[in-house]
Amino acid sequence: DAAPADAFRVGEALPPAARPLLRDLGVLERFQADGHLPCWGNVSAWGSGGPRVHDHVFDPHGHGWHLDRARFDALLRDAAAGAGAEVVAGAEVVEAKRADGGWIVQLRDGGGTRVIHAGWLVDATGRRSAVARRQGAVRVPADGLVAFWARFRPSAEGDRDARTVVEAAPDGWWYTALVPSGERVAAFLTDGDLADRAALLSPGTFAARARETALVGGILAARGYGIHGRPRGSGAGSARLDRCAGEGWAAVGDAALSFDPLSSQGILNSLYTGVRAGQAIDRALGGDPDGIAEYVRRVDQVYAAYLRNRLAYYAAETRWADRPFWRRRSGAESTAETVASASG
């Protein structure tokens, strides 16, 4: 794991559908006792100015959660260690090469470098797809979405609205969510070539733009939220590898498929593909190669369904159909233009 154990991460949403996956992994009871914030639904201003409410009371899996990501990631690391994995913290892969039917992997951490030998590699390096790309796999973007986000602290206590709030805007969309620390995360998502990066990375300008929105701005104003620290930016676009498995390796999570944060499916996809890839590799180690082919088919099906749902949801917002951000997501523009915006 390359990340510091206590690093704050913006990915804080876990939908209700994660409950059976957490149960199958044997961590549901501990997860529920870890103090993550229940999310009871979503509020959106999408397709019209007025807010619409989707309540998780109608979801067969119950409510979702806003995560303390450091705590959640620690839970998964501990569960892996309990299952027999050796966890190496603050480390990154320097080199991975095939040798004698397996792998020689060089790791670098605070103590220097070490070499390990493995029969299989699983690429869980996120959007970098660091291992898969070394094997010749190529990331294929579907758009050029980027996220700019910041943490906000309240001047008055009592904010208990733990619903996810989404608001469309002329050149992208905003969201805000309460996190277990009592802070709020607010984020603006747009295409990289449309973003005024200098302005969006300025604390004063980012906070001012957030307050200009009707729904998100109203929530920030109601409790006197002020920005805490500097805004940050990161890639948030939809993308996939042209192949998510090969000889002795498989990619999972964001390394295989990257989803628009609008879907709230990123962590769920990481859990799901991690489980499925593990099962496929177990079959391969037992002499059944069909498991990997089945995993690849499942990944293909997941991404195809995701793209259909993404197109339908963006098409529901028609107020700014002539603006580049929304036009690109209407299906009216060519794939070439969309991919060009992604690479830009």
Protein backbone atom coordinates (compact mmCIF):
# COMPACT_ATOMS: atom_id res chain seq x y z
CA ASP A 1 0.00 0.00 0.00
CA ALA A 2 1.62 3.23 -1.15
CA ALA A 3 -0.61 5.66 0.77
CA PRO A 4 0.09 6.84 4.34
CA ALA A 5 -2.27 5.08 6.73
CA ASP A 6 -3.88 8.30 7.99
CA ALA A 7 -4.18 10.12 4.64
CA PHE A 8 -7.51 11.90 4.05
CA ARG A 9 -9.18 10.71 0.86
CA VAL A 10 -12.16 12.28 -0.83
CA GLY A 11 -13.85 9.01 -1.83
CA GLU A 12 -16.30 8.82 1.03
CA ALA A 13 -19.49 7.26 -0.34
CA LEU A 14 -20.42 3.59 -0.07
CA PRO A 15 -23.85 2.65 -1.45
CA PRO A 16 -26.27 0.19 0.18
CA ALA A 17 -25.38 -2.53 -2.35
CA ALA A 18 -21.98 -2.88 -0.63
CA ARG A 19 -23.58 -4.56 2.39
CA PRO A 20 -23.62 -8.13 0.97
CA LEU A 21 -20.05 -7.74 -0.31
CA LEU A 22 -18.83 -6.66 3.12
CA ARG A 23 -20.70 -9.59 4.63
CA ASP A 24 -19.12 -12.05 2.18
CA LEU A 25 -15.69 -10.65 3.02
CA GLY A 26 -16.36 -11.27 6.71
CA VAL A 27 -15.98 -7.62 7.76
CA LEU A 28 -19.58 -6.35 7.94
CA GLU A 29 -19.99 -6.48 11.72
CA ARG A 30 -16.69 -4.73 12.39
CA PHE A 31 -17.45 -2.19 9.65
CA GLN A 32 -20.82 -1.37 11.22
CA ALA A 33 -19.12 -0.84 14.60
CA ASP A 34 -16.46 1.49 13.16
CA GLY A 35 -18.46 4.71 13.37
CA HIS A 36 -19.05 5.44 9.69
CA LEU A 37 -21.85 7.90 9.03
CA PRO A 38 -25.13 6.43 7.72
CA CYS A 39 -26.29 8.03 4.46
CA TRP A 40 -30.07 7.94 4.25
CA GLY A 41 -30.46 9.05 0.65
CA ASN A 42 -29.64 11.58 -2.04
CA VAL A 43 -30.87 15.08 -2.82
CA SER A 44 -30.35 16.40 -6.34
CA ALA A 45 -31.04 19.50 -8.40
CA TRP A 46 -30.69 17.78 -11.76
CA GLY A 47 -32.89 18.47 -14.74
CA SER A 48 -34.62 21.27 -12.86
CA GLY A 49 -33.76 23.85 -10.23
CA GLY A 50 -35.86 22.25 -7.54
CA PRO A 51 -34.40 19.51 -5.31
CA ARG A 52 -35.52 15.91 -5.71
CA VAL A 53 -35.12 13.36 -2.92
CA HIS A 54 -34.25 9.69 -3.27
CA ASP A 55 -34.65 7.94 0.09
CA HIS A 56 -32.70 4.76 0.85
CA VAL A 57 -35.65 3.51 2.91
CA PHE A 58 -36.80 1.92 -0.37
CA ASP A 59 -33.48 0.13 -0.96
CA PRO A 60 -33.56 -3.60 -0.09
CA HIS A 61 -30.05 -3.30 1.36
CA GLY A 62 -30.91 -0.40 3.66
CA HIS A 63 -28.90 2.82 3.94
CA GLY A 64 -25.47 3.65 2.56
CA TRP A 65 -22.53 5.28 4.35
CA HIS A 66 -20.20 8.25 4.25
CA LEU A 67 -16.85 6.80 5.16
CA ASP A 68 -13.90 7.69 7.28
CA ARG A 69 -11.62 6.43 4.52
CA ALA A 70 -8.53 6.05 6.69
CA ARG A 71 -10.50 3.83 9.07
CA PHE A 72 -12.16 1.89 6.25
CA ASP A 73 -8.87 1.25 4.47
CA ALA A 74 -7.31 0.13 7.77
CA LEU A 75 -10.16 -2.35 8.22
CA LEU A 76 -9.49 -3.90 4.81
CA ARG A 77 -5.74 -4.06 5.41
CA ASP A 78 -6.31 -5.76 8.77
CA ALA A 79 -8.74 -8.22 7.21
CA ALA A 80 -6.19 -9.05 4.51
CA ALA A 81 -3.51 -9.61 7.14
CA GLY A 82 -5.91 -11.79 9.11
CA ALA A 83 -6.44 -13.90 6.00
CA GLY A 84 -2.69 -14.47 5.67
CA ALA A 85 -1.51 -11.53 3.57
CA GLU A 86 1.70 -9.68 4.36
CA VAL A 87 0.89 -5.96 4.34
CA VAL A 88 3.75 -3.66 3.34
CA ALA A 89 2.86 -0.05 4.13
CA GLY A 90 4.19 3.02 2.35
CA ALA A 91 5.56 0.91 -0.51
CA GLU A 92 5.33 1.10 -4.28
CA VAL A 93 6.15 -1.22 -7.15
CA VAL A 94 9.36 -0.21 -8.91
CA GLU A 95 9.51 -3.09 -11.38
CA ALA A 96 7.55 -6.23 -12.19
CA LYS A 97 8.80 -8.68 -14.77
CA ARG A 98 8.00 -12.22 -15.83
CA ALA A 99 10.49 -14.92 -14.96
CA ASP A 100 10.25 -18.74 -14.85
CA GLY A 101 6.46 -18.77 -15.17
CA GLY A 102 6.00 -16.24 -12.36
CA TRP A 103 6.97 -12.73 -11.38
CA ILE A 104 9.92 -10.92 -9.88
CA VAL A 105 8.66 -7.75 -8.21
CA GLN A 106 10.81 -4.99 -6.82
CA LEU A 107 9.26 -2.85 -4.06
CA ARG A 108 10.50 0.41 -2.61
CA ASP A 109 9.53 1.69 0.82
CA GLY A 110 11.03 3.86 3.55
CA GLY A 111 13.57 1.19 4.37
CA GLY A 112 14.88 0.79 0.84
CA THR A 113 14.07 -1.83 -1.77
CA ARG A 114 13.13 -5.49 -1.59
CA VAL A 115 12.47 -8.22 -4.14
CA ILE A 116 9.62 -10.70 -3.89
CA HIS A 117 8.55 -13.59 -6.09
CA ALA A 118 4.92 -14.26 -7.01
CA GLY A 119 2.90 -16.57 -9.21
CA TRP A 120 0.24 -13.92 -9.89
CA LEU A 121 -0.02 -10.14 -9.71
CA VAL A 122 -3.20 -8.17 -9.04
CA ASP A 123 -3.05 -4.54 -10.15
CA ALA A 124 -4.92 -2.48 -7.54
CA THR A 125 -2.94 0.73 -8.14
CA GLY A 126 -6.01 2.85 -8.97
CA ARG A 127 -6.27 5.04 -12.03
CA ARG A 128 -2.53 4.74 -12.67
CA SER A 129 -2.93 1.04 -13.65
CA ALA A 130 0.79 0.88 -12.96
CA VAL A 131 1.24 -2.89 -13.27
CA ALA A 132 -1.14 -3.49 -16.19
CA ARG A 133 0.37 -0.69 -18.25
CA ARG A 134 3.81 -2.24 -17.79
CA GLN A 135 2.36 -5.35 -19.41
CA GLY A 136 1.21 -3.37 -22.46
CA ALA A 137 -2.41 -2.70 -21.43
CA VAL A 138 -3.77 0.71 -22.50
CA ARG A 139 -6.27 2.89 -20.64
CA VAL A 140 -9.15 3.99 -22.88
CA PRO A 141 -10.86 7.16 -21.62
CA ALA A 142 -14.53 7.94 -22.22
CA ASP A 143 -14.35 11.57 -21.09
CA GLY A 144 -12.07 14.18 -19.57
CA LEU A 145 -13.79 14.67 -16.20
CA VAL A 146 -11.73 16.18 -13.38
CA ALA A 147 -12.69 16.91 -9.78
CA PHE A 148 -11.76 19.88 -7.60
CA TRP A 149 -12.65 19.44 -3.97
CA ALA A 150 -12.12 20.93 -0.54
CA ARG A 151 -13.02 20.34 3.09
CA PHE A 152 -15.28 22.76 4.95
CA ARG A 153 -15.67 23.16 8.72
CA PRO A 154 -18.84 24.54 10.35
CA SER A 155 -18.98 27.51 12.71
CA ALA A 156 -22.17 26.12 14.26
CA GLU A 157 -22.82 22.54 15.34
CA GLY A 158 -25.89 20.52 14.55
CA ASP A 159 -25.57 19.56 10.87
CA ARG A 160 -27.04 16.07 10.80
CA ASP A 161 -28.10 15.92 7.15
CA ALA A 162 -25.98 13.01 5.96
CA ARG A 163 -27.58 12.74 2.53
CA THR A 164 -25.44 13.15 -0.58
CA VAL A 165 -26.33 16.40 -2.36
CA VAL A 166 -25.76 16.84 -6.12
CA GLU A 167 -26.40 20.01 -8.13
CA ALA A 168 -25.97 20.49 -11.88
CA ALA A 169 -24.32 23.69 -13.15
CA PRO A 170 -23.71 25.17 -16.61
CA ASP A 171 -20.21 23.71 -16.99
CA GLY A 172 -20.34 20.67 -14.73
CA TRP A 173 -21.84 19.71 -11.40
CA TRP A 174 -21.30 20.09 -7.66
CA TYR A 175 -21.78 17.78 -4.74
CA THR A 176 -21.43 17.98 -0.99
CA ALA A 177 -21.49 15.33 1.70
CA LEU A 178 -21.07 15.26 5.45
CA VAL A 179 -18.23 13.02 6.67
CA PRO A 180 -17.77 11.38 10.09
CA SER A 181 -15.38 14.10 11.29
CA GLY A 182 -18.23 16.64 11.18
CA GLU A 183 -16.71 18.37 8.16
CA ARG A 184 -18.26 18.63 4.74
CA VAL A 185 -16.60 17.83 1.45
CA ALA A 186 -17.67 20.00 -1.46
CA ALA A 187 -16.53 19.21 -4.99
CA PHE A 188 -16.90 20.63 -8.48
CA LEU A 189 -16.61 18.33 -11.48
CA THR A 190 -16.00 19.52 -15.01
CA ASP A 191 -13.87 18.62 -18.03
CA GLY A 192 -10.17 19.28 -17.82
CA ASP A 193 -10.13 21.60 -20.82
CA LEU A 194 -13.01 23.66 -19.38
CA ALA A 195 -11.54 24.09 -15.91
CA ASP A 196 -9.97 27.32 -14.63
CA ARG A 197 -7.46 25.40 -12.56
CA ALA A 198 -5.82 28.40 -10.91
CA ALA A 199 -9.18 29.69 -9.69
CA LEU A 200 -10.48 26.30 -8.56
CA LEU A 201 -7.30 25.58 -6.60
CA SER A 202 -7.54 28.93 -4.80
CA PRO A 203 -9.29 28.56 -1.40
CA GLY A 204 -11.08 31.90 -1.62
CA THR A 205 -12.26 31.47 -5.20
CA PHE A 206 -13.32 27.86 -4.73
CA ALA A 207 -15.33 28.73 -1.62
CA ALA A 208 -16.95 31.70 -3.38
CA ARG A 209 -17.98 29.57 -6.35
CA ALA A 210 -19.41 26.89 -4.08
CA ARG A 211 -21.52 29.50 -2.28
CA GLU A 212 -22.88 30.80 -5.60
CA THR A 213 -24.75 27.54 -6.14
CA ALA A 214 -28.32 27.32 -4.88
CA LEU A 215 -28.44 23.93 -3.18
CA VAL A 216 -24.81 23.31 -2.17
CA GLY A 217 -24.24 26.97 -1.33
CA GLY A 218 -27.35 27.07 0.83
CA ILE A 219 -26.14 24.11 2.89
CA LEU A 220 -22.71 25.67 3.42
CA ALA A 221 -24.26 28.98 4.44
CA ALA A 222 -26.78 27.46 6.85
CA ARG A 223 -24.10 26.25 9.29
CA GLY A 224 -21.48 28.85 8.50
CA TYR A 225 -19.10 26.43 6.82
CA GLY A 226 -15.66 27.83 6.02
CA ILE A 227 -13.07 26.23 3.79
CA HIS A 228 -10.34 24.28 5.57
CA GLY A 229 -7.01 23.95 3.77
CA ARG A 230 -6.38 24.24 0.07
CA PRO A 231 -8.57 22.69 -2.62
CA ARG A 232 -7.18 19.74 -4.47
CA GLY A 233 -7.71 18.41 -7.98
CA SER A 234 -7.65 14.94 -9.47
CA GLY A 235 -8.78 12.97 -12.49
CA ALA A 236 -12.34 11.67 -12.23
CA GLY A 237 -13.15 10.49 -15.74
CA SER A 238 -14.65 7.25 -16.97
CA ALA A 239 -12.06 4.89 -18.40
CA ARG A 240 -11.15 1.24 -18.73
CA LEU A 241 -8.20 -0.90 -19.70
CA ASP A 242 -8.31 -2.38 -23.17
CA ARG A 243 -7.61 -5.70 -21.41
CA CYS A 244 -8.00 -6.23 -17.66
CA ALA A 245 -6.10 -9.53 -17.41
CA GLY A 246 -3.18 -11.30 -19.04
CA GLU A 247 -0.64 -14.01 -18.41
CA GLY A 248 -0.29 -14.15 -14.64
CA TRP A 249 -1.96 -10.82 -13.88
CA ALA A 250 -5.36 -9.19 -13.44
CA ALA A 251 -6.46 -5.62 -12.75
CA VAL A 252 -9.19 -4.67 -10.27
CA GLY A 253 -10.98 -1.55 -9.07
CA ASP A 254 -10.04 1.76 -10.63
CA ALA A 255 -7.05 0.09 -12.26
CA ALA A 256 -9.47 -1.91 -14.44
CA LEU A 257 -12.50 0.42 -14.59
CA SER A 258 -12.81 4.05 -13.50
CA PHE A 259 -16.29 5.41 -12.89
CA ASP A 260 -17.72 8.93 -12.81
CA PRO A 261 -18.19 9.92 -9.13
CA LEU A 262 -21.80 10.70 -10.02
CA SER A 263 -22.43 6.94 -9.93
CA SER A 264 -21.10 6.48 -6.36
CA GLN A 265 -19.86 3.10 -7.60
CA GLY A 266 -16.08 3.46 -7.27
CA ILE A 267 -15.52 1.70 -3.95
CA LEU A 268 -18.29 -0.79 -4.65
CA ASN A 269 -16.61 -1.68 -7.95
CA SER A 270 -13.27 -2.11 -6.19
CA LEU A 271 -14.79 -4.55 -3.69
CA TYR A 272 -16.71 -6.44 -6.38
CA THR A 273 -13.86 -6.80 -8.88
CA GLY A 274 -11.43 -7.65 -6.08
CA VAL A 275 -13.64 -10.54 -4.97
CA ARG A 276 -14.25 -11.75 -8.52
CA ALA A 277 -10.59 -11.56 -9.52
CA GLY A 278 -9.60 -13.45 -6.38
CA GLN A 279 -12.05 -16.22 -7.24
CA ALA A 280 -10.79 -16.34 -10.83
CA ILE A 281 -7.14 -16.57 -9.77
CA ASP A 282 -8.02 -19.29 -7.26
CA ARG A 283 -9.54 -21.28 -10.13
CA ALA A 284 -6.47 -20.65 -12.30
CA LEU A 285 -4.14 -21.85 -9.54
CA GLY A 286 -6.28 -24.98 -9.33
CA GLY A 287 -5.77 -25.66 -13.04
CA ASP A 288 -8.98 -24.09 -14.42
CA PRO A 289 -8.08 -21.25 -16.84
CA ASP A 290 -11.71 -20.44 -17.65
CA GLY A 291 -12.07 -18.39 -14.47
CA ILE A 292 -9.97 -15.55 -15.86
CA ALA A 293 -11.96 -15.45 -19.12
CA GLU A 294 -15.17 -15.32 -17.08
CA TYR A 295 -13.77 -12.46 -14.98
CA VAL A 296 -12.94 -10.50 -18.14
CA ARG A 297 -16.49 -11.03 -19.43
CA ARG A 298 -17.95 -9.80 -16.15
CA VAL A 299 -15.81 -6.67 -16.26
CA ASP A 300 -16.93 -6.01 -19.84
CA GLN A 301 -20.58 -6.40 -18.82
CA VAL A 302 -20.19 -4.08 -15.82
CA TYR A 303 -18.62 -1.32 -17.90
CA ALA A 304 -21.18 -1.61 -20.71
CA ALA A 305 -24.06 -1.33 -18.22
CA TYR A 306 -22.34 1.58 -16.49
CA LEU A 307 -21.95 3.53 -19.76
CA ARG A 308 -25.64 3.05 -20.59
CA ASN A 309 -26.71 4.31 -17.17
CA ARG A 310 -24.26 7.21 -17.31
CA LEU A 311 -25.62 8.35 -20.68
CA ALA A 312 -29.22 8.15 -19.44
CA TYR A 313 -28.51 10.14 -16.28
CA TYR A 314 -26.61 12.93 -18.01
CA ALA A 315 -29.31 13.11 -20.71
CA ALA A 316 -31.84 13.97 -17.99
CA GLU A 317 -30.20 17.40 -17.60
CA THR A 318 -31.21 19.54 -20.60
CA ARG A 319 -31.02 23.11 -19.28
CA TRP A 320 -27.54 23.70 -20.71
CA ALA A 321 -27.64 21.39 -23.72
CA ASP A 322 -25.65 23.88 -25.81
CA ARG A 323 -22.73 24.07 -23.34
CA PRO A 324 -19.68 21.89 -24.14
CA PHE A 325 -19.78 19.87 -20.91
CA TRP A 326 -23.37 18.73 -21.40
CA ARG A 327 -23.17 18.45 -25.18
CA ARG A 328 -20.31 15.98 -24.87
CA ARG A 329 -22.46 13.76 -22.66
CA SER A 330 -25.60 13.90 -24.77
CA GLY A 331 -24.41 11.30 -27.27
CA ALA A 332 -24.54 13.92 -30.02
CA GLU A 333 -20.78 14.40 -30.24
CA SER A 334 -18.44 11.85 -31.75
CA THR A 335 -16.34 9.49 -29.63
CA ALA A 336 -13.25 11.06 -31.15
CA GLU A 337 -14.15 14.48 -29.74
CA THR A 338 -14.89 13.04 -26.32
CA VAL A 339 -11.61 11.15 -26.18
CA ALA A 340 -9.79 14.26 -27.41
CA SER A 341 -11.21 16.22 -24.48
CA ALA A 342 -10.10 13.41 -22.14
CA SER A 343 -6.52 13.48 -23.38
CA GLY A 344 -6.50 17.27 -23.23
